[in-house]
Amino acid sequence: MSEAKMDAIRLTHDEFLSRAWPDPTPEMLETPEFNAVWDCIKKWDINVPDVYRGYCGATGNHVRAILDALAAGKR
């Protein structure tokens, strides 16, 4: 892969944090739903192209996005 292409997909920590990507609330961290999703995805590398470039290890933000999407689907 060319260096230019690698630069295009490289993600810095600051870039990741600067995106609109909500953290889970302290209350969410204690729910069985949060922990069930986290236990499933914690070893995954995930790509969310609408939020950041490239892949990164799963975070609580990914769990929050999944839980938010499930809640929206119930409405």
N, C-alpha and C. Protein backbone atom coordinates (compact mmCIF):
# COMPACT_ATOMS: atom_id res chain seq x y z
N MET A 1 0.85 -1.16 0.00
CA MET A 1 0.00 0.00 0.00
C MET A 1 0.90 1.24 0.00
N SER A 2 0.53 2.23 -0.79
CA SER A 2 1.35 3.43 -0.89
C SER A 2 1.29 4.25 0.39
N GLU A 3 2.33 5.03 0.60
CA GLU A 3 2.37 5.89 1.79
C GLU A 3 1.23 6.91 1.77
N ALA A 4 0.89 7.41 0.60
CA ALA A 4 -0.21 8.37 0.49
C ALA A 4 -1.53 7.74 0.93
N LYS A 5 -1.72 6.49 0.53
CA LYS A 5 -2.95 5.80 0.93
C LYS A 5 -2.95 5.52 2.43
N MET A 6 -1.80 5.16 2.97
CA MET A 6 -1.70 4.93 4.42
C MET A 6 -2.01 6.23 5.17
N ASP A 7 -1.52 7.36 4.68
CA ASP A 7 -1.81 8.65 5.32
C ASP A 7 -3.31 8.94 5.29
N ALA A 8 -3.97 8.54 4.20
CA ALA A 8 -5.39 8.82 4.06
C ALA A 8 -6.22 8.02 5.05
N ILE A 9 -5.75 6.86 5.49
CA ILE A 9 -6.54 6.04 6.40
C ILE A 9 -6.03 6.08 7.83
N ARG A 10 -4.88 6.69 8.05
CA ARG A 10 -4.31 6.75 9.39
C ARG A 10 -5.17 7.62 10.30
N LEU A 11 -5.36 7.17 11.49
CA LEU A 11 -6.19 7.88 12.46
C LEU A 11 -5.33 8.24 13.66
N THR A 12 -5.34 9.50 14.02
CA THR A 12 -4.63 9.88 15.22
C THR A 12 -5.61 9.90 16.38
N HIS A 13 -5.09 9.77 17.55
CA HIS A 13 -5.92 9.80 18.75
C HIS A 13 -6.70 11.11 18.84
N ASP A 14 -6.06 12.23 18.56
CA ASP A 14 -6.72 13.53 18.62
C ASP A 14 -7.84 13.63 17.60
N GLU A 15 -7.63 13.10 16.38
CA GLU A 15 -8.68 13.13 15.37
C GLU A 15 -9.89 12.33 15.85
N PHE A 16 -9.63 11.18 16.41
CA PHE A 16 -10.72 10.33 16.90
C PHE A 16 -11.53 11.06 17.96
N LEU A 17 -10.85 11.67 18.92
CA LEU A 17 -11.54 12.33 20.03
C LEU A 17 -12.26 13.59 19.59
N SER A 18 -11.83 14.19 18.49
CA SER A 18 -12.44 15.44 18.06
C SER A 18 -13.76 15.22 17.31
N ARG A 19 -14.06 14.02 16.96
CA ARG A 19 -15.29 13.72 16.21
C ARG A 19 -16.50 13.67 17.15
N ALA A 20 -17.66 13.86 16.56
CA ALA A 20 -18.91 13.75 17.34
C ALA A 20 -19.18 12.27 17.58
N TRP A 21 -18.76 11.80 18.70
CA TRP A 21 -18.82 10.37 19.02
C TRP A 21 -19.06 10.27 20.51
N PRO A 22 -20.31 10.20 20.93
CA PRO A 22 -20.61 10.32 22.37
C PRO A 22 -20.05 9.18 23.21
N ASP A 23 -19.55 9.58 24.36
CA ASP A 23 -19.09 8.60 25.35
C ASP A 23 -20.31 7.97 26.02
N PRO A 24 -20.16 6.76 26.52
CA PRO A 24 -21.25 6.20 27.33
C PRO A 24 -21.34 6.99 28.64
N THR A 25 -22.54 7.07 29.15
CA THR A 25 -22.72 7.74 30.44
C THR A 25 -22.24 6.80 31.55
N PRO A 26 -21.92 7.36 32.71
CA PRO A 26 -21.54 6.49 33.83
C PRO A 26 -22.63 5.46 34.15
N GLU A 27 -23.89 5.85 33.99
CA GLU A 27 -24.99 4.92 34.25
C GLU A 27 -25.00 3.76 33.25
N MET A 28 -24.70 4.06 32.00
CA MET A 28 -24.67 3.01 30.97
C MET A 28 -23.64 1.94 31.29
N LEU A 29 -22.51 2.37 31.84
CA LEU A 29 -21.43 1.44 32.13
C LEU A 29 -21.83 0.34 33.11
N GLU A 30 -22.89 0.58 33.86
CA GLU A 30 -23.32 -0.37 34.89
C GLU A 30 -24.47 -1.27 34.45
N THR A 31 -24.97 -1.09 33.22
CA THR A 31 -26.13 -1.86 32.80
C THR A 31 -25.73 -3.22 32.24
N PRO A 32 -26.60 -4.21 32.39
CA PRO A 32 -26.32 -5.53 31.81
C PRO A 32 -26.21 -5.46 30.28
N GLU A 33 -27.00 -4.58 29.65
CA GLU A 33 -26.97 -4.45 28.19
C GLU A 33 -25.60 -3.96 27.73
N PHE A 34 -25.09 -2.93 28.41
CA PHE A 34 -23.76 -2.41 28.04
C PHE A 34 -22.71 -3.50 28.17
N ASN A 35 -22.73 -4.18 29.29
CA ASN A 35 -21.72 -5.20 29.53
C ASN A 35 -21.85 -6.39 28.57
N ALA A 36 -23.06 -6.73 28.18
CA ALA A 36 -23.25 -7.83 27.21
C ALA A 36 -22.65 -7.46 25.86
N VAL A 37 -22.94 -6.23 25.40
CA VAL A 37 -22.38 -5.80 24.11
C VAL A 37 -20.86 -5.69 24.22
N TRP A 38 -20.37 -5.08 25.31
CA TRP A 38 -18.92 -4.93 25.48
C TRP A 38 -18.22 -6.29 25.48
N ASP A 39 -18.76 -7.26 26.19
CA ASP A 39 -18.15 -8.59 26.23
C ASP A 39 -18.06 -9.21 24.83
N CYS A 40 -19.02 -8.87 23.99
CA CYS A 40 -19.04 -9.41 22.63
C CYS A 40 -18.02 -8.72 21.71
N ILE A 41 -17.89 -7.40 21.80
CA ILE A 41 -17.09 -6.66 20.81
C ILE A 41 -15.71 -6.22 21.28
N LYS A 42 -15.37 -6.44 22.54
CA LYS A 42 -14.15 -5.84 23.09
C LYS A 42 -12.86 -6.25 22.39
N LYS A 43 -12.87 -7.33 21.67
CA LYS A 43 -11.66 -7.76 20.94
C LYS A 43 -11.73 -7.45 19.44
N TRP A 44 -12.77 -6.78 19.02
CA TRP A 44 -12.96 -6.47 17.61
C TRP A 44 -12.17 -5.24 17.20
N ASP A 45 -11.78 -5.18 15.92
CA ASP A 45 -11.34 -3.96 15.27
C ASP A 45 -12.52 -3.48 14.45
N ILE A 46 -12.87 -2.22 14.64
CA ILE A 46 -14.11 -1.70 14.06
C ILE A 46 -13.81 -0.47 13.22
N ASN A 47 -14.54 -0.34 12.12
CA ASN A 47 -14.45 0.83 11.24
C ASN A 47 -15.82 1.51 11.21
N VAL A 48 -15.85 2.79 11.52
CA VAL A 48 -17.09 3.58 11.45
C VAL A 48 -16.77 4.79 10.56
N PRO A 49 -16.88 4.63 9.24
CA PRO A 49 -16.41 5.66 8.33
C PRO A 49 -17.12 7.01 8.46
N ASP A 50 -18.31 7.04 9.01
CA ASP A 50 -18.99 8.32 9.20
C ASP A 50 -18.40 9.11 10.37
N VAL A 51 -17.60 8.45 11.20
CA VAL A 51 -17.06 9.09 12.40
C VAL A 51 -15.55 9.26 12.33
N TYR A 52 -14.82 8.26 11.81
CA TYR A 52 -13.37 8.31 11.76
C TYR A 52 -12.86 7.47 10.60
N ARG A 53 -11.58 7.63 10.27
CA ARG A 53 -10.96 6.87 9.18
C ARG A 53 -10.21 5.68 9.74
N GLY A 54 -10.33 4.56 9.08
CA GLY A 54 -9.57 3.38 9.46
C GLY A 54 -10.25 2.56 10.54
N TYR A 55 -9.53 1.60 11.02
CA TYR A 55 -10.03 0.69 12.05
C TYR A 55 -9.38 1.02 13.38
N CYS A 56 -10.10 0.74 14.46
CA CYS A 56 -9.51 0.86 15.79
C CYS A 56 -10.16 -0.21 16.67
N GLY A 57 -9.55 -0.45 17.80
CA GLY A 57 -10.12 -1.39 18.75
C GLY A 57 -11.44 -0.88 19.29
N ALA A 58 -12.31 -1.80 19.65
CA ALA A 58 -13.63 -1.43 20.18
C ALA A 58 -13.47 -0.58 21.44
N THR A 59 -14.38 0.36 21.59
CA THR A 59 -14.40 1.24 22.75
C THR A 59 -15.82 1.32 23.30
N GLY A 60 -15.95 1.96 24.44
CA GLY A 60 -17.27 2.21 24.99
C GLY A 60 -18.13 3.04 24.07
N ASN A 61 -17.50 3.87 23.23
CA ASN A 61 -18.26 4.67 22.27
C ASN A 61 -18.97 3.77 21.26
N HIS A 62 -18.31 2.68 20.86
CA HIS A 62 -18.95 1.74 19.95
C HIS A 62 -20.16 1.09 20.62
N VAL A 63 -19.99 0.71 21.87
CA VAL A 63 -21.11 0.12 22.61
C VAL A 63 -22.25 1.12 22.68
N ARG A 64 -21.93 2.38 23.00
CA ARG A 64 -22.96 3.42 23.08
C ARG A 64 -23.69 3.55 21.75
N ALA A 65 -22.96 3.54 20.64
CA ALA A 65 -23.59 3.65 19.32
C ALA A 65 -24.54 2.48 19.06
N ILE A 66 -24.13 1.29 19.44
CA ILE A 66 -24.99 0.11 19.26
C ILE A 66 -26.24 0.23 20.12
N LEU A 67 -26.07 0.59 21.38
CA LEU A 67 -27.23 0.72 22.27
C LEU A 67 -28.17 1.82 21.79
N ASP A 68 -27.60 2.94 21.33
CA ASP A 68 -28.44 4.03 20.82
C ASP A 68 -29.22 3.58 19.59
N ALA A 69 -28.57 2.82 18.70
CA ALA A 69 -29.25 2.33 17.50
C ALA A 69 -30.36 1.35 17.84
N LEU A 70 -30.12 0.49 18.82
CA LEU A 70 -31.16 -0.44 19.25
C LEU A 70 -32.35 0.30 19.85
N ALA A 71 -32.07 1.32 20.65
CA ALA A 71 -33.15 2.11 21.25
C ALA A 71 -33.95 2.85 20.18
N ALA A 72 -33.27 3.38 19.18
CA ALA A 72 -33.96 4.08 18.09
C ALA A 72 -34.82 3.13 17.28
N GLY A 73 -34.37 1.88 17.14
CA GLY A 73 -35.15 0.89 16.41
C GLY A 73 -36.41 0.45 17.12
N LYS A 74 -36.45 0.64 18.42
CA LYS A 74 -37.65 0.29 19.19
C LYS A 74 -38.72 1.34 19.12
N ARG A 75 -38.35 2.55 18.71
CA ARG A 75 -39.33 3.65 18.65
C ARG A 75 -40.23 3.56 17.46
